N, C-alpha and C. Protein backbone atom coordinates (compact mmCIF):
# COMPACT_ATOMS: atom_id res chain seq x y z
N MET A 1 0.84 -1.17 -0.01
CA MET A 1 0.00 0.00 -0.03
C MET A 1 0.94 1.19 -0.01
N SER A 2 0.70 2.16 -0.96
CA SER A 2 1.51 3.30 -1.01
C SER A 2 0.73 4.49 -0.32
N ILE A 3 1.56 5.39 0.19
CA ILE A 3 0.96 6.50 0.94
C ILE A 3 1.09 7.75 0.02
N ILE A 4 0.00 8.46 -0.17
CA ILE A 4 -0.01 9.65 -1.01
C ILE A 4 0.09 10.87 -0.02
N LEU A 5 1.13 11.64 -0.19
CA LEU A 5 1.30 12.82 0.63
C LEU A 5 1.02 14.08 -0.10
N HIS A 6 0.59 15.11 0.54
CA HIS A 6 0.30 16.37 -0.02
C HIS A 6 1.67 16.93 -0.54
N PRO A 7 1.70 17.58 -1.73
CA PRO A 7 2.99 18.01 -2.24
C PRO A 7 3.76 19.00 -1.33
N CYS A 8 3.09 19.64 -0.46
CA CYS A 8 3.82 20.54 0.46
C CYS A 8 4.08 19.91 1.85
N ALA A 9 3.70 18.72 2.03
CA ALA A 9 3.89 18.05 3.29
C ALA A 9 5.41 17.93 3.62
N LYS A 10 5.74 18.32 4.89
CA LYS A 10 7.10 18.20 5.33
C LYS A 10 7.34 17.01 6.18
N THR A 11 6.29 16.35 6.65
CA THR A 11 6.52 15.17 7.47
C THR A 11 5.81 13.98 6.82
N THR A 12 6.43 12.85 7.10
CA THR A 12 5.89 11.53 6.60
C THR A 12 5.40 10.78 7.88
N PRO A 13 4.69 9.77 7.70
CA PRO A 13 4.27 8.93 8.84
C PRO A 13 5.42 8.45 9.71
N LYS A 14 6.53 8.14 9.03
CA LYS A 14 7.74 7.61 9.80
C LYS A 14 8.37 8.81 10.65
N ILE A 15 8.38 10.01 10.09
CA ILE A 15 8.90 11.15 10.81
C ILE A 15 8.00 11.48 12.03
N ARG A 16 6.69 11.44 11.76
CA ARG A 16 5.78 11.68 12.87
C ARG A 16 5.92 10.67 13.97
N GLU A 17 6.11 9.46 13.61
CA GLU A 17 6.27 8.37 14.62
C GLU A 17 7.55 8.63 15.44
N ASP A 18 8.62 8.99 14.74
CA ASP A 18 9.91 9.28 15.38
C ASP A 18 9.77 10.42 16.36
N ILE A 19 9.09 11.46 15.95
CA ILE A 19 8.84 12.68 16.82
C ILE A 19 8.05 12.25 18.01
N PHE A 20 6.91 11.51 17.80
CA PHE A 20 6.05 11.13 18.91
C PHE A 20 6.84 10.24 19.92
N ASN A 21 7.67 9.36 19.48
CA ASN A 21 8.36 8.49 20.44
C ASN A 21 9.67 9.05 21.01
N SER A 22 10.05 10.26 20.57
CA SER A 22 11.34 10.81 20.96
C SER A 22 11.23 11.45 22.30
N LYS A 23 12.35 11.41 22.99
CA LYS A 23 12.47 12.13 24.34
C LYS A 23 13.16 13.40 24.23
N GLU A 24 13.60 13.82 22.99
CA GLU A 24 14.40 15.04 22.80
C GLU A 24 13.45 16.24 22.93
N SER A 25 14.09 17.38 23.12
CA SER A 25 13.28 18.59 23.28
C SER A 25 12.70 19.05 21.91
N LEU A 26 11.74 19.97 21.95
CA LEU A 26 11.09 20.44 20.77
C LEU A 26 12.08 21.16 19.84
N ILE A 27 13.00 21.91 20.50
CA ILE A 27 14.02 22.66 19.71
C ILE A 27 14.93 21.71 18.95
N ILE A 28 15.41 20.75 19.58
CA ILE A 28 16.34 19.78 18.97
C ILE A 28 15.61 19.06 17.85
N LEU A 29 14.41 18.57 18.08
CA LEU A 29 13.60 17.92 17.05
C LEU A 29 13.34 18.82 15.84
N ALA A 30 12.99 20.08 16.17
CA ALA A 30 12.72 21.06 15.04
C ALA A 30 14.03 21.22 14.17
N LYS A 31 15.15 21.33 14.80
CA LYS A 31 16.37 21.45 14.07
C LYS A 31 16.69 20.20 13.25
N LYS A 32 16.46 19.05 13.92
CA LYS A 32 16.81 17.71 13.27
C LYS A 32 15.94 17.50 11.96
N TYR A 33 14.68 17.88 12.05
CA TYR A 33 13.78 17.56 10.91
C TYR A 33 13.50 18.89 10.05
N ASN A 34 14.15 20.01 10.45
CA ASN A 34 13.97 21.28 9.73
C ASN A 34 12.50 21.67 9.70
N LEU A 35 11.87 21.68 10.91
CA LEU A 35 10.54 22.04 11.05
C LEU A 35 10.41 23.15 12.12
N ASN A 36 9.27 23.79 12.18
CA ASN A 36 8.98 24.77 13.22
C ASN A 36 8.62 24.03 14.57
N THR A 37 8.98 24.65 15.62
CA THR A 37 8.64 23.99 16.89
C THR A 37 7.18 23.84 17.16
N LYS A 38 6.34 24.71 16.58
CA LYS A 38 4.92 24.54 16.69
C LYS A 38 4.39 23.33 15.98
N THR A 39 5.04 23.04 14.84
CA THR A 39 4.70 21.82 14.08
C THR A 39 5.10 20.60 14.88
N ILE A 40 6.19 20.60 15.52
CA ILE A 40 6.68 19.48 16.38
C ILE A 40 5.65 19.23 17.53
N ALA A 41 5.27 20.36 18.07
CA ALA A 41 4.41 20.27 19.28
C ALA A 41 2.99 19.68 18.93
N LYS A 42 2.62 19.86 17.67
CA LYS A 42 1.28 19.30 17.33
C LYS A 42 1.40 17.76 17.30
C-alpha cells in the first residue's frame, strides 16, 4: 500500500512516529527535521 502525501507536506508517517516516540526537546527535534517548533508540538 502506497501513501500519498500532499505536495507541500514536510512530514511523513515515519517522521511523525519518530517525533512522537522521541524524548528530545522540541527545539532539537525542530532542528533535526527542519521544522517549526509549533509543528513538532502538534
